[in-house]
Amino acid sequence: MEITAIKAWQVDLPLKEVRYSWSNGNFVEVFDSTVVAIETDEGLTG
């Protein structure tokens, strides 16, 4: 089995709570995440 492709996507995942507060008045409304897919010559993707 050999890797034939590696794909990556950047996605912003919205928070269920709408906003998460940090110290000093900082907050986030989405989490910056990365999704990676690895494909093989046998047709597997994961």
PDB file of N, CA and C in Angstrom:
ATOM      1  N   MET A   1       0.853  -1.174   0.000  1.00  0.00           N
ATOM      2  CA  MET A   1       0.000   0.000   0.000  1.00  0.00           C
ATOM      3  C   MET A   1       0.901   1.239   0.000  1.00  0.00           C
ATOM      4  N   GLU A   2       0.590   2.172  -0.879  1.00  0.00           N
ATOM      5  CA  GLU A   2       1.335   3.430  -0.953  1.00  0.00           C
ATOM      6  C   GLU A   2       0.369   4.604  -0.889  1.00  0.00           C
ATOM      7  N   ILE A   3       0.840   5.691  -0.306  1.00  0.00           N
ATOM      8  CA  ILE A   3       0.061   6.926  -0.253  1.00  0.00           C
ATOM      9  C   ILE A   3       0.106   7.568  -1.635  1.00  0.00           C
ATOM     10  N   THR A   4      -1.068   7.913  -2.158  1.00  0.00           N
ATOM     11  CA  THR A   4      -1.144   8.546  -3.471  1.00  0.00           C
ATOM     12  C   THR A   4      -1.502  10.028  -3.394  1.00  0.00           C
ATOM     13  N   ALA A   5      -2.096  10.451  -2.283  1.00  0.00           N
ATOM     14  CA  ALA A   5      -2.470  11.860  -2.148  1.00  0.00           C
ATOM     15  C   ALA A   5      -2.669  12.207  -0.681  1.00  0.00           C
ATOM     16  N   ILE A   6      -2.334  13.429  -0.364  1.00  0.00           N
ATOM     17  CA  ILE A   6      -2.621  13.996   0.953  1.00  0.00           C
ATOM     18  C   ILE A   6      -3.316  15.327   0.700  1.00  0.00           C
ATOM     19  N   LYS A   7      -4.503  15.474   1.252  1.00  0.00           N
ATOM     20  CA  LYS A   7      -5.281  16.698   1.060  1.00  0.00           C
ATOM     21  C   LYS A   7      -5.561  17.314   2.425  1.00  0.00           C
ATOM     22  N   ALA A   8      -5.558  18.629   2.481  1.00  0.00           N
ATOM     23  CA  ALA A   8      -5.824  19.321   3.750  1.00  0.00           C
ATOM     24  C   ALA A   8      -6.751  20.503   3.488  1.00  0.00           C
ATOM     25  N   TRP A   9      -7.679  20.718   4.417  1.00  0.00           N
ATOM     26  CA  TRP A   9      -8.609  21.830   4.342  1.00  0.00           C
ATOM     27  C   TRP A   9      -8.624  22.569   5.673  1.00  0.00           C
ATOM     28  N   GLN A  10      -8.649  23.868   5.618  1.00  0.00           N
ATOM     29  CA  GLN A  10      -8.810  24.685   6.816  1.00  0.00           C
ATOM     30  C   GLN A  10     -10.288  24.958   6.967  1.00  0.00           C
ATOM     31  N   VAL A  11     -10.831  24.710   8.156  1.00  0.00           N
ATOM     32  CA  VAL A  11     -12.248  24.964   8.418  1.00  0.00           C
ATOM     33  C   VAL A  11     -12.401  25.728   9.729  1.00  0.00           C
ATOM     34  N   ASP A  12     -13.383  26.593   9.768  1.00  0.00           N
ATOM     35  CA  ASP A  12     -13.740  27.299  11.000  1.00  0.00           C
ATOM     36  C   ASP A  12     -14.963  26.620  11.581  1.00  0.00           C
ATOM     37  N   LEU A  13     -14.815  26.054  12.760  1.00  0.00           N
ATOM     38  CA  LEU A  13     -15.916  25.365  13.418  1.00  0.00           C
ATOM     39  C   LEU A  13     -16.606  26.325  14.384  1.00  0.00           C
ATOM     40  N   PRO A  14     -17.884  26.671  14.123  1.00  0.00           N
ATOM     41  CA  PRO A  14     -18.578  27.589  15.025  1.00  0.00           C
ATOM     42  C   PRO A  14     -18.820  26.930  16.378  1.00  0.00           C
ATOM     43  N   LEU A  15     -18.759  27.733  17.408  1.00  0.00           N
ATOM     44  CA  LEU A  15     -18.996  27.234  18.760  1.00  0.00           C
ATOM     45  C   LEU A  15     -20.484  27.093  19.021  1.00  0.00           C
ATOM     46  N   LYS A  16     -20.862  26.021  19.693  1.00  0.00           N
ATOM     47  CA  LYS A  16     -22.257  25.803  20.067  1.00  0.00           C
ATOM     48  C   LYS A  16     -22.734  26.929  20.991  1.00  0.00           C
ATOM     49  N   GLU A  17     -21.832  27.395  21.858  1.00  0.00           N
ATOM     50  CA  GLU A  17     -22.172  28.454  22.817  1.00  0.00           C
ATOM     51  C   GLU A  17     -22.125  29.841  22.187  1.00  0.00           C
ATOM     52  N   VAL A  18     -21.780  29.963  20.929  1.00  0.00           N
ATOM     53  CA  VAL A  18     -21.659  31.188  20.142  1.00  0.00           C
ATOM     54  C   VAL A  18     -20.360  31.939  20.440  1.00  0.00           C
ATOM     55  N   ARG A  19     -19.958  32.035  21.708  1.00  0.00           N
ATOM     56  CA  ARG A  19     -18.744  32.776  22.052  1.00  0.00           C
ATOM     57  C   ARG A  19     -18.108  32.159  23.293  1.00  0.00           C
ATOM     58  N   TYR A  20     -16.776  32.031  23.263  1.00  0.00           N
ATOM     59  CA  TYR A  20     -16.037  31.544  24.423  1.00  0.00           C
ATOM     60  C   TYR A  20     -15.131  32.669  24.891  1.00  0.00           C
ATOM     61  N   SER A  21     -15.259  33.089  26.128  1.00  0.00           N
ATOM     62  CA  SER A  21     -14.498  34.220  26.660  1.00  0.00           C
ATOM     63  C   SER A  21     -13.202  33.773  27.324  1.00  0.00           C
ATOM     64  N   TRP A  22     -12.141  34.516  27.060  1.00  0.00           N
ATOM     65  CA  TRP A  22     -10.836  34.317  27.670  1.00  0.00           C
ATOM     66  C   TRP A  22     -10.584  35.482  28.626  1.00  0.00           C
ATOM     67  N   SER A  23      -9.421  35.556  29.173  1.00  0.00           N
ATOM     68  CA  SER A  23      -9.071  36.663  30.068  1.00  0.00           C
ATOM     69  C   SER A  23      -8.832  37.944  29.264  1.00  0.00           C
ATOM     70  N   ASN A  24      -8.800  39.054  29.952  1.00  0.00           N
ATOM     71  CA  ASN A  24      -8.555  40.383  29.365  1.00  0.00           C
ATOM     72  C   ASN A  24      -9.556  40.756  28.281  1.00  0.00           C
ATOM     73  N   GLY A  25     -10.761  40.230  28.332  1.00  0.00           N
ATOM     74  CA  GLY A  25     -11.801  40.578  27.370  1.00  0.00           C
ATOM     75  C   GLY A  25     -11.664  39.895  26.015  1.00  0.00           C
ATOM     76  N   ASN A  26     -10.712  38.978  25.873  1.00  0.00           N
ATOM     77  CA  ASN A  26     -10.551  38.260  24.606  1.00  0.00           C
ATOM     78  C   ASN A  26     -11.607  37.170  24.486  1.00  0.00           C
ATOM     79  N   PHE A  27     -11.964  36.819  23.254  1.00  0.00           N
ATOM     80  CA  PHE A  27     -12.948  35.770  23.034  1.00  0.00           C
ATOM     81  C   PHE A  27     -12.743  35.146  21.656  1.00  0.00           C
ATOM     82  N   VAL A  28     -13.327  33.978  21.459  1.00  0.00           N
ATOM     83  CA  VAL A  28     -13.351  33.328  20.152  1.00  0.00           C
ATOM     84  C   VAL A  28     -14.789  32.929  19.843  1.00  0.00           C
ATOM     85  N   GLU A  29     -15.131  32.958  18.567  1.00  0.00           N
ATOM     86  CA  GLU A  29     -16.461  32.548  18.124  1.00  0.00           C
ATOM     87  C   GLU A  29     -16.397  31.306  17.238  1.00  0.00           C
ATOM     88  N   VAL A  30     -15.198  30.984  16.746  1.00  0.00           N
ATOM     89  CA  VAL A  30     -14.968  29.774  15.947  1.00  0.00           C
ATOM     90  C   VAL A  30     -13.620  29.191  16.335  1.00  0.00           C
ATOM     91  N   PHE A  31     -13.480  27.890  16.164  1.00  0.00           N
ATOM     92  CA  PHE A  31     -12.191  27.244  16.341  1.00  0.00           C
ATOM     93  C   PHE A  31     -11.601  26.981  14.970  1.00  0.00           C
ATOM     94  N   ASP A  32     -10.386  27.449  14.744  1.00  0.00           N
ATOM     95  CA  ASP A  32      -9.656  27.233  13.509  1.00  0.00           C
ATOM     96  C   ASP A  32      -9.141  25.800  13.521  1.00  0.00           C
ATOM     97  N   SER A  33      -9.613  24.980  12.593  1.00  0.00           N
ATOM     98  CA  SER A  33      -9.259  23.561  12.578  1.00  0.00           C
ATOM     99  C   SER A  33      -8.759  23.150  11.203  1.00  0.00           C
ATOM    100  N   THR A  34      -8.074  22.012  11.162  1.00  0.00           N
ATOM    101  CA  THR A  34      -7.574  21.465   9.902  1.00  0.00           C
ATOM    102  C   THR A  34      -8.071  20.035   9.751  1.00  0.00           C
ATOM    103  N   VAL A  35      -8.600  19.728   8.568  1.00  0.00           N
ATOM    104  CA  VAL A  35      -9.037  18.376   8.235  1.00  0.00           C
ATOM    105  C   VAL A  35      -8.062  17.828   7.202  1.00  0.00           C
ATOM    106  N   VAL A  36      -7.550  16.612   7.440  1.00  0.00           N
ATOM    107  CA  VAL A  36      -6.570  15.999   6.543  1.00  0.00           C
ATOM    108  C   VAL A  36      -7.111  14.658   6.050  1.00  0.00           C
ATOM    109  N   ALA A  37      -6.992  14.409   4.736  1.00  0.00           N
ATOM    110  CA  ALA A  37      -7.379  13.117   4.154  1.00  0.00           C
ATOM    111  C   ALA A  37      -6.149  12.530   3.473  1.00  0.00           C
ATOM    112  N   ILE A  38      -5.893  11.266   3.757  1.00  0.00           N
ATOM    113  CA  ILE A  38      -4.781  10.544   3.122  1.00  0.00           C
ATOM    114  C   ILE A  38      -5.390   9.443   2.260  1.00  0.00           C
ATOM    115  N   GLU A  39      -5.015   9.412   0.967  1.00  0.00           N
ATOM    116  CA  GLU A  39      -5.536   8.421   0.034  1.00  0.00           C
ATOM    117  C   GLU A  39      -4.436   7.436  -0.330  1.00  0.00           C
ATOM    118  N   THR A  40      -4.823   6.170  -0.558  1.00  0.00           N
ATOM    119  CA  THR A  40      -3.862   5.140  -0.923  1.00  0.00           C
ATOM    120  C   THR A  40      -4.156   4.575  -2.300  1.00  0.00           C
ATOM    121  N   ASP A  41      -3.197   3.833  -2.813  1.00  0.00           N
ATOM    122  CA  ASP A  41      -3.369   3.202  -4.129  1.00  0.00           C
ATOM    123  C   ASP A  41      -4.356   2.041  -4.079  1.00  0.00           C
ATOM    124  N   GLU A  42      -4.791   1.647  -2.891  1.00  0.00           N
ATOM    125  CA  GLU A  42      -5.788   0.579  -2.749  1.00  0.00           C
ATOM    126  C   GLU A  42      -7.207   1.137  -2.600  1.00  0.00           C
ATOM    127  N   GLY A  43      -7.350   2.450  -2.761  1.00  0.00           N
ATOM    128  CA  GLY A  43      -8.668   3.074  -2.703  1.00  0.00           C
ATOM    129  C   GLY A  43      -9.133   3.442  -1.314  1.00  0.00           C
ATOM    130  N   LEU A  44      -8.266   3.343  -0.319  1.00  0.00           N
ATOM    131  CA  LEU A  44      -8.638   3.718   1.044  1.00  0.00           C
ATOM    132  C   LEU A  44      -8.387   5.207   1.275  1.00  0.00           C
ATOM    133  N   THR A  45      -9.287   5.832   2.002  1.00  0.00           N
ATOM    134  CA  THR A  45      -9.120   7.226   2.400  1.00  0.00           C
ATOM    135  C   THR A  45      -9.416   7.332   3.883  1.00  0.00           C
ATOM    136  N   GLY A  46      -8.576   8.056   4.575  1.00  0.00           N
ATOM    137  CA  GLY A  46      -8.795   8.206   6.012  1.00  0.00           C
ATOM    138  C   GLY A  46      -8.124   9.429   6.553  1.00  0.00           C
TER     139      GLY A  46
END
